Amino acid sequence: MIGSMGKAVTNVAPEGRVSLQGEYWWEYSRAKIGEGENVWFVGIDGLTLEIEPCLDKTVLPRQVSVIDQREVVH
């Protein structure tokens, strides 16, 4: 999970909520992050993630499905 990218669901100052691969996590950051901004996950403490803002605005979080498309029966 460390090194993954997600999206801030709330304002982060210094704590808030983020979405990572379709799940919501509590997180904290040393920087202020606005709702909807992309973030990088840089650490974890129990069930709380440490994040940093993603300064590259051209990078978008990748949505990952829990369903492997190869296993879908048609």
C-alpha atoms as a PDB file:
ATOM      1  CA  MET A   1       0.000   0.000   0.000  1.00  0.00           C
ATOM      2  CA  ILE A   2       2.884   2.387   0.678  1.00  0.00           C
ATOM      3  CA  GLY A   3       3.637   4.244  -2.534  1.00  0.00           C
ATOM      4  CA  SER A   4       0.032   3.975  -3.737  1.00  0.00           C
ATOM      5  CA  MET A   5      -2.020   6.979  -4.725  1.00  0.00           C
ATOM      6  CA  GLY A   6      -5.471   7.874  -3.428  1.00  0.00           C
ATOM      7  CA  LYS A   7      -7.822  10.822  -3.081  1.00  0.00           C
ATOM      8  CA  ALA A   8      -8.695  12.973  -0.075  1.00  0.00           C
ATOM      9  CA  VAL A   9     -12.375  12.507   0.806  1.00  0.00           C
ATOM     10  CA  THR A  10     -12.278  15.328   3.384  1.00  0.00           C
ATOM     11  CA  ASN A  11     -10.018  18.289   4.073  1.00  0.00           C
ATOM     12  CA  VAL A  12      -6.893  17.124   5.884  1.00  0.00           C
ATOM     13  CA  ALA A  13      -5.662  19.464   8.605  1.00  0.00           C
ATOM     14  CA  PRO A  14      -3.838  17.398   9.944  1.00  0.00           C
ATOM     15  CA  GLU A  15      -6.273  14.443   9.995  1.00  0.00           C
ATOM     16  CA  GLY A  16      -9.068  13.363   7.685  1.00  0.00           C
ATOM     17  CA  ARG A  17     -10.349  10.567   5.427  1.00  0.00           C
ATOM     18  CA  VAL A  18      -9.012   9.248   2.133  1.00  0.00           C
ATOM     19  CA  SER A  19     -10.083   6.722  -0.454  1.00  0.00           C
ATOM     20  CA  LEU A  20      -7.595   4.064  -1.534  1.00  0.00           C
ATOM     21  CA  GLN A  21      -8.613   1.315  -3.950  1.00  0.00           C
ATOM     22  CA  GLY A  22     -12.283   1.742  -3.072  1.00  0.00           C
ATOM     23  CA  GLU A  23     -11.757   1.671   0.715  1.00  0.00           C
ATOM     24  CA  TYR A  24     -11.912   4.590   3.164  1.00  0.00           C
ATOM     25  CA  TRP A  25      -9.073   5.136   5.643  1.00  0.00           C
ATOM     26  CA  TRP A  26      -8.256   7.538   8.443  1.00  0.00           C
ATOM     27  CA  GLU A  27      -5.077   9.398   7.696  1.00  0.00           C
ATOM     28  CA  TYR A  28      -2.876  12.256   8.746  1.00  0.00           C
ATOM     29  CA  SER A  29      -0.516  14.606   6.950  1.00  0.00           C
ATOM     30  CA  ARG A  30       2.005  17.244   7.937  1.00  0.00           C
ATOM     31  CA  ALA A  31       0.728  19.388   5.033  1.00  0.00           C
ATOM     32  CA  LYS A  32      -2.779  20.774   4.548  1.00  0.00           C
ATOM     33  CA  ILE A  33      -4.626  18.863   1.831  1.00  0.00           C
ATOM     34  CA  GLY A  34      -7.963  19.870   0.350  1.00  0.00           C
ATOM     35  CA  GLU A  35     -10.941  17.612  -0.307  1.00  0.00           C
ATOM     36  CA  GLY A  36     -10.617  15.925  -3.709  1.00  0.00           C
ATOM     37  CA  GLU A  37      -6.839  16.305  -3.999  1.00  0.00           C
ATOM     38  CA  ASN A  38      -4.648  13.371  -5.013  1.00  0.00           C
ATOM     39  CA  VAL A  39      -2.347  12.025  -2.290  1.00  0.00           C
ATOM     40  CA  TRP A  40       0.545   9.577  -1.929  1.00  0.00           C
ATOM     41  CA  PHE A  41       0.607   7.048   0.911  1.00  0.00           C
ATOM     42  CA  VAL A  42       4.004   7.200   2.591  1.00  0.00           C
ATOM     43  CA  GLY A  43       3.522   5.326   5.872  1.00  0.00           C
ATOM     44  CA  ILE A  44       1.144   3.481   8.167  1.00  0.00           C
ATOM     45  CA  ASP A  45       0.622   3.406  11.925  1.00  0.00           C
ATOM     46  CA  GLY A  46      -1.912   0.753  12.915  1.00  0.00           C
ATOM     47  CA  LEU A  47      -4.988   1.562  10.830  1.00  0.00           C
ATOM     48  CA  THR A  48      -4.004   5.179  10.180  1.00  0.00           C
ATOM     49  CA  LEU A  49      -2.169   6.082   6.973  1.00  0.00           C
ATOM     50  CA  GLU A  50       0.381   8.848   6.599  1.00  0.00           C
ATOM     51  CA  ILE A  51      -0.036  10.777   3.361  1.00  0.00           C
ATOM     52  CA  GLU A  52       1.598  13.563   1.385  1.00  0.00           C
ATOM     53  CA  PRO A  53       0.058  15.728  -1.323  1.00  0.00           C
ATOM     54  CA  CYS A  54       0.667  14.598  -4.895  1.00  0.00           C
ATOM     55  CA  LEU A  55       2.196  17.663  -6.488  1.00  0.00           C
ATOM     56  CA  ASP A  56       2.000  16.275 -10.039  1.00  0.00           C
ATOM     57  CA  LYS A  57      -1.533  17.219 -11.124  1.00  0.00           C
ATOM     58  CA  THR A  58      -1.255  15.119 -14.305  1.00  0.00           C
ATOM     59  CA  VAL A  59      -1.192  11.841 -12.325  1.00  0.00           C
ATOM     60  CA  LEU A  60      -4.601  10.327 -11.587  1.00  0.00           C
ATOM     61  CA  PRO A  61      -5.365   7.623  -9.008  1.00  0.00           C
ATOM     62  CA  ARG A  62      -5.934   4.268 -10.682  1.00  0.00           C
ATOM     63  CA  GLN A  63      -9.223   2.578  -9.842  1.00  0.00           C
ATOM     64  CA  VAL A  64      -8.667  -1.069  -9.030  1.00  0.00           C
ATOM     65  CA  SER A  65     -11.536  -3.508  -9.248  1.00  0.00           C
ATOM     66  CA  VAL A  66     -11.786  -6.470  -6.889  1.00  0.00           C
ATOM     67  CA  ILE A  67     -13.219  -8.427  -9.816  1.00  0.00           C
ATOM     68  CA  ASP A  68     -10.643  -9.854 -12.177  1.00  0.00           C
ATOM     69  CA  GLN A  69     -12.119  -9.306 -15.632  1.00  0.00           C
ATOM     70  CA  ARG A  70     -10.573 -12.569 -16.901  1.00  0.00           C
ATOM     71  CA  GLU A  71     -12.793 -14.545 -14.539  1.00  0.00           C
ATOM     72  CA  VAL A  72     -16.091 -13.050 -15.708  1.00  0.00           C
ATOM     73  CA  VAL A  73     -18.242 -15.726 -17.391  1.00  0.00           C
ATOM     74  CA  HIS A  74     -20.078 -14.526 -20.499  1.00  0.00           C
END
